[in-house]
Amino acid sequence: MSDDSTYTASFIGDDGAEASTEELTLIDGLPQKSLVRPGSQGDDVNWELDTDSTADTGFVYRSTGVAQHDYS
């Protein structure tokens, strides 16, 4: 972590490879549980904090699919 108000987030894609790493702002001292980011195909992608794993440099987020897409 670079300071007390931010943390490093690693975004892991469906293929298991790291898609990107970003500095995010802590909310009430905690990492965000989930967030939506623009995807490479132009769709917004949902990302969820993986509480079972952390990277050496921060927190890990995994893709949970395209935002507002019905997977049922």
N, C-alpha and C. Protein backbone atom coordinates (compact mmCIF):
# COMPACT_ATOMS: atom_id res chain seq x y z
N MET A 1 0.84 -1.17 0.00
CA MET A 1 0.00 0.00 0.00
C MET A 1 0.89 1.24 0.00
N SER A 2 0.46 2.21 -0.73
CA SER A 2 1.30 3.39 -0.86
C SER A 2 1.10 4.38 0.28
N ASP A 3 -0.09 4.48 0.84
CA ASP A 3 -0.34 5.32 2.01
C ASP A 3 -1.57 4.80 2.74
N ASP A 4 -2.03 5.54 3.74
CA ASP A 4 -3.13 5.06 4.57
C ASP A 4 -4.49 5.13 3.91
N SER A 5 -4.61 5.81 2.77
CA SER A 5 -5.93 5.97 2.16
C SER A 5 -6.10 5.19 0.86
N THR A 6 -5.04 4.53 0.39
CA THR A 6 -5.14 3.76 -0.85
C THR A 6 -4.55 2.37 -0.66
N TYR A 7 -4.86 1.49 -1.62
CA TYR A 7 -4.30 0.14 -1.62
C TYR A 7 -4.13 -0.31 -3.06
N THR A 8 -3.29 -1.31 -3.26
CA THR A 8 -3.05 -1.86 -4.58
C THR A 8 -4.02 -2.99 -4.84
N ALA A 9 -4.71 -2.92 -5.97
CA ALA A 9 -5.67 -3.94 -6.36
C ALA A 9 -5.19 -4.61 -7.64
N SER A 10 -5.12 -5.95 -7.62
CA SER A 10 -4.78 -6.73 -8.80
C SER A 10 -6.06 -7.34 -9.34
N PHE A 11 -6.31 -7.14 -10.63
CA PHE A 11 -7.51 -7.65 -11.28
C PHE A 11 -7.13 -8.89 -12.08
N ILE A 12 -7.72 -10.05 -11.72
CA ILE A 12 -7.41 -11.32 -12.35
C ILE A 12 -8.57 -11.69 -13.28
N GLY A 13 -8.25 -11.90 -14.55
CA GLY A 13 -9.27 -12.23 -15.54
C GLY A 13 -9.72 -13.67 -15.46
N ASP A 14 -10.68 -14.02 -16.32
CA ASP A 14 -11.23 -15.38 -16.35
C ASP A 14 -10.18 -16.44 -16.67
N ASP A 15 -9.13 -16.05 -17.39
CA ASP A 15 -8.07 -16.99 -17.76
C ASP A 15 -7.03 -17.18 -16.66
N GLY A 16 -7.18 -16.48 -15.53
CA GLY A 16 -6.26 -16.59 -14.42
C GLY A 16 -5.07 -15.66 -14.49
N ALA A 17 -4.96 -14.92 -15.59
CA ALA A 17 -3.85 -13.98 -15.75
C ALA A 17 -4.24 -12.61 -15.19
N GLU A 18 -3.25 -11.90 -14.70
CA GLU A 18 -3.52 -10.56 -14.16
C GLU A 18 -3.87 -9.62 -15.31
N ALA A 19 -5.05 -9.02 -15.24
CA ALA A 19 -5.51 -8.11 -16.28
C ALA A 19 -4.93 -6.72 -16.07
N SER A 20 -4.86 -6.27 -14.82
CA SER A 20 -4.29 -4.96 -14.52
C SER A 20 -4.06 -4.83 -13.02
N THR A 21 -3.34 -3.80 -12.67
CA THR A 21 -3.11 -3.44 -11.27
C THR A 21 -3.36 -1.95 -11.14
N GLU A 22 -4.12 -1.57 -10.11
CA GLU A 22 -4.46 -0.16 -9.91
C GLU A 22 -4.40 0.20 -8.43
N GLU A 23 -4.22 1.47 -8.16
CA GLU A 23 -4.33 1.99 -6.80
C GLU A 23 -5.78 2.43 -6.60
N LEU A 24 -6.42 1.92 -5.55
CA LEU A 24 -7.81 2.28 -5.25
C LEU A 24 -7.87 2.92 -3.87
N THR A 25 -8.94 3.65 -3.62
CA THR A 25 -9.14 4.33 -2.35
C THR A 25 -9.85 3.42 -1.36
N LEU A 26 -9.33 3.35 -0.16
CA LEU A 26 -9.99 2.60 0.91
C LEU A 26 -11.27 3.31 1.31
N ILE A 27 -12.28 2.55 1.70
CA ILE A 27 -13.54 3.10 2.18
C ILE A 27 -13.66 2.72 3.65
N ASP A 28 -13.66 3.70 4.52
CA ASP A 28 -13.68 3.46 5.97
C ASP A 28 -12.56 2.52 6.38
N GLY A 29 -11.39 2.65 5.73
CA GLY A 29 -10.23 1.85 6.07
C GLY A 29 -10.20 0.45 5.49
N LEU A 30 -11.19 0.10 4.67
CA LEU A 30 -11.29 -1.25 4.10
C LEU A 30 -11.28 -1.21 2.58
N PRO A 31 -10.84 -2.30 1.94
CA PRO A 31 -10.91 -2.36 0.48
C PRO A 31 -12.36 -2.50 0.02
N GLN A 32 -12.64 -2.05 -1.17
CA GLN A 32 -13.98 -2.17 -1.74
C GLN A 32 -14.29 -3.65 -1.95
N LYS A 33 -15.52 -4.07 -1.63
CA LYS A 33 -15.91 -5.47 -1.77
C LYS A 33 -16.14 -5.85 -3.23
N SER A 34 -16.69 -4.92 -4.00
CA SER A 34 -16.91 -5.17 -5.42
C SER A 34 -16.93 -3.84 -6.15
N LEU A 35 -16.70 -3.90 -7.45
CA LEU A 35 -16.72 -2.69 -8.26
C LEU A 35 -16.94 -3.05 -9.71
N VAL A 36 -17.25 -2.04 -10.51
CA VAL A 36 -17.48 -2.21 -11.93
C VAL A 36 -16.43 -1.40 -12.67
N ARG A 37 -15.77 -2.05 -13.66
CA ARG A 37 -14.73 -1.42 -14.47
C ARG A 37 -15.04 -1.64 -15.94
N PRO A 38 -14.62 -0.74 -16.80
CA PRO A 38 -14.78 -0.97 -18.25
C PRO A 38 -13.97 -2.18 -18.68
N GLY A 39 -14.59 -3.02 -19.51
CA GLY A 39 -13.90 -4.19 -20.03
C GLY A 39 -13.29 -3.93 -21.39
N SER A 40 -12.50 -4.85 -21.87
CA SER A 40 -11.80 -4.68 -23.14
C SER A 40 -12.74 -4.75 -24.34
N GLN A 41 -13.90 -5.36 -24.18
CA GLN A 41 -14.87 -5.48 -25.28
C GLN A 41 -15.88 -4.35 -25.28
N GLY A 42 -15.69 -3.36 -24.42
CA GLY A 42 -16.60 -2.22 -24.36
C GLY A 42 -17.71 -2.36 -23.33
N ASP A 43 -17.89 -3.56 -22.78
CA ASP A 43 -18.89 -3.78 -21.74
C ASP A 43 -18.28 -3.52 -20.37
N ASP A 44 -19.10 -3.09 -19.42
CA ASP A 44 -18.64 -2.95 -18.04
C ASP A 44 -18.58 -4.33 -17.40
N VAL A 45 -17.53 -4.59 -16.62
CA VAL A 45 -17.31 -5.88 -15.99
C VAL A 45 -17.38 -5.74 -14.48
N ASN A 46 -18.08 -6.66 -13.82
CA ASN A 46 -18.14 -6.71 -12.36
C ASN A 46 -16.89 -7.40 -11.84
N TRP A 47 -16.32 -6.86 -10.77
CA TRP A 47 -15.16 -7.44 -10.11
C TRP A 47 -15.47 -7.58 -8.63
N GLU A 48 -15.11 -8.72 -8.04
CA GLU A 48 -15.38 -8.98 -6.63
C GLU A 48 -14.08 -9.29 -5.91
N LEU A 49 -13.95 -8.75 -4.70
CA LEU A 49 -12.76 -8.99 -3.88
C LEU A 49 -12.69 -10.46 -3.53
N ASP A 50 -11.55 -11.07 -3.78
CA ASP A 50 -11.31 -12.47 -3.41
C ASP A 50 -10.74 -12.47 -2.01
N THR A 51 -11.58 -12.77 -1.03
CA THR A 51 -11.15 -12.71 0.37
C THR A 51 -10.26 -13.88 0.75
N ASP A 52 -10.17 -14.90 -0.11
CA ASP A 52 -9.33 -16.06 0.18
C ASP A 52 -7.89 -15.90 -0.30
N SER A 53 -7.64 -14.87 -1.09
CA SER A 53 -6.27 -14.68 -1.57
C SER A 53 -5.94 -13.20 -1.65
N THR A 54 -4.70 -12.91 -1.40
CA THR A 54 -4.19 -11.55 -1.56
C THR A 54 -2.87 -11.64 -2.31
N ALA A 55 -2.60 -10.65 -3.09
CA ALA A 55 -1.31 -10.57 -3.78
C ALA A 55 -0.26 -10.10 -2.79
N ASP A 56 1.01 -10.28 -3.13
CA ASP A 56 2.08 -9.82 -2.24
C ASP A 56 2.01 -8.31 -2.03
N THR A 57 1.47 -7.61 -3.02
CA THR A 57 1.46 -6.16 -2.96
C THR A 57 0.09 -5.56 -2.66
N GLY A 58 -0.94 -6.37 -2.47
CA GLY A 58 -2.26 -5.81 -2.22
C GLY A 58 -3.37 -6.83 -2.25
N PHE A 59 -4.52 -6.42 -2.75
CA PHE A 59 -5.71 -7.25 -2.76
C PHE A 59 -6.02 -7.74 -4.16
N VAL A 60 -6.70 -8.91 -4.24
CA VAL A 60 -7.01 -9.54 -5.52
C VAL A 60 -8.50 -9.44 -5.79
N TYR A 61 -8.84 -9.03 -7.02
CA TYR A 61 -10.22 -9.00 -7.49
C TYR A 61 -10.36 -9.96 -8.65
N ARG A 62 -11.49 -10.67 -8.70
CA ARG A 62 -11.76 -11.61 -9.78
C ARG A 62 -13.03 -11.18 -10.52
N SER A 63 -13.01 -11.40 -11.81
CA SER A 63 -14.15 -11.05 -12.66
C SER A 63 -15.34 -11.95 -12.34
N THR A 64 -16.51 -11.33 -12.22
CA THR A 64 -17.73 -12.11 -12.01
C THR A 64 -18.68 -11.99 -13.20
N GLY A 65 -18.21 -11.38 -14.29
CA GLY A 65 -19.01 -11.30 -15.50
C GLY A 65 -19.37 -9.88 -15.90
N VAL A 66 -20.07 -9.80 -17.00
CA VAL A 66 -20.47 -8.51 -17.56
C VAL A 66 -21.57 -7.91 -16.70
N ALA A 67 -21.44 -6.63 -16.39
CA ALA A 67 -22.44 -5.94 -15.58
C ALA A 67 -23.79 -5.94 -16.27
N GLN A 68 -24.82 -6.17 -15.48
CA GLN A 68 -26.22 -6.14 -15.92
C GLN A 68 -26.52 -7.17 -17.00
N HIS A 69 -25.76 -8.30 -16.98
CA HIS A 69 -26.00 -9.39 -17.93
C HIS A 69 -26.67 -10.53 -17.19
N ASP A 70 -27.71 -11.08 -17.76
CA ASP A 70 -28.45 -12.17 -17.13
C ASP A 70 -27.81 -13.50 -17.52
N TYR A 71 -27.17 -14.18 -16.52
CA TYR A 71 -26.50 -15.44 -16.78
C TYR A 71 -27.37 -16.64 -16.48
N SER A 72 -28.64 -16.43 -16.14
CA SER A 72 -29.49 -17.57 -15.80
C SER A 72 -30.04 -18.28 -17.00
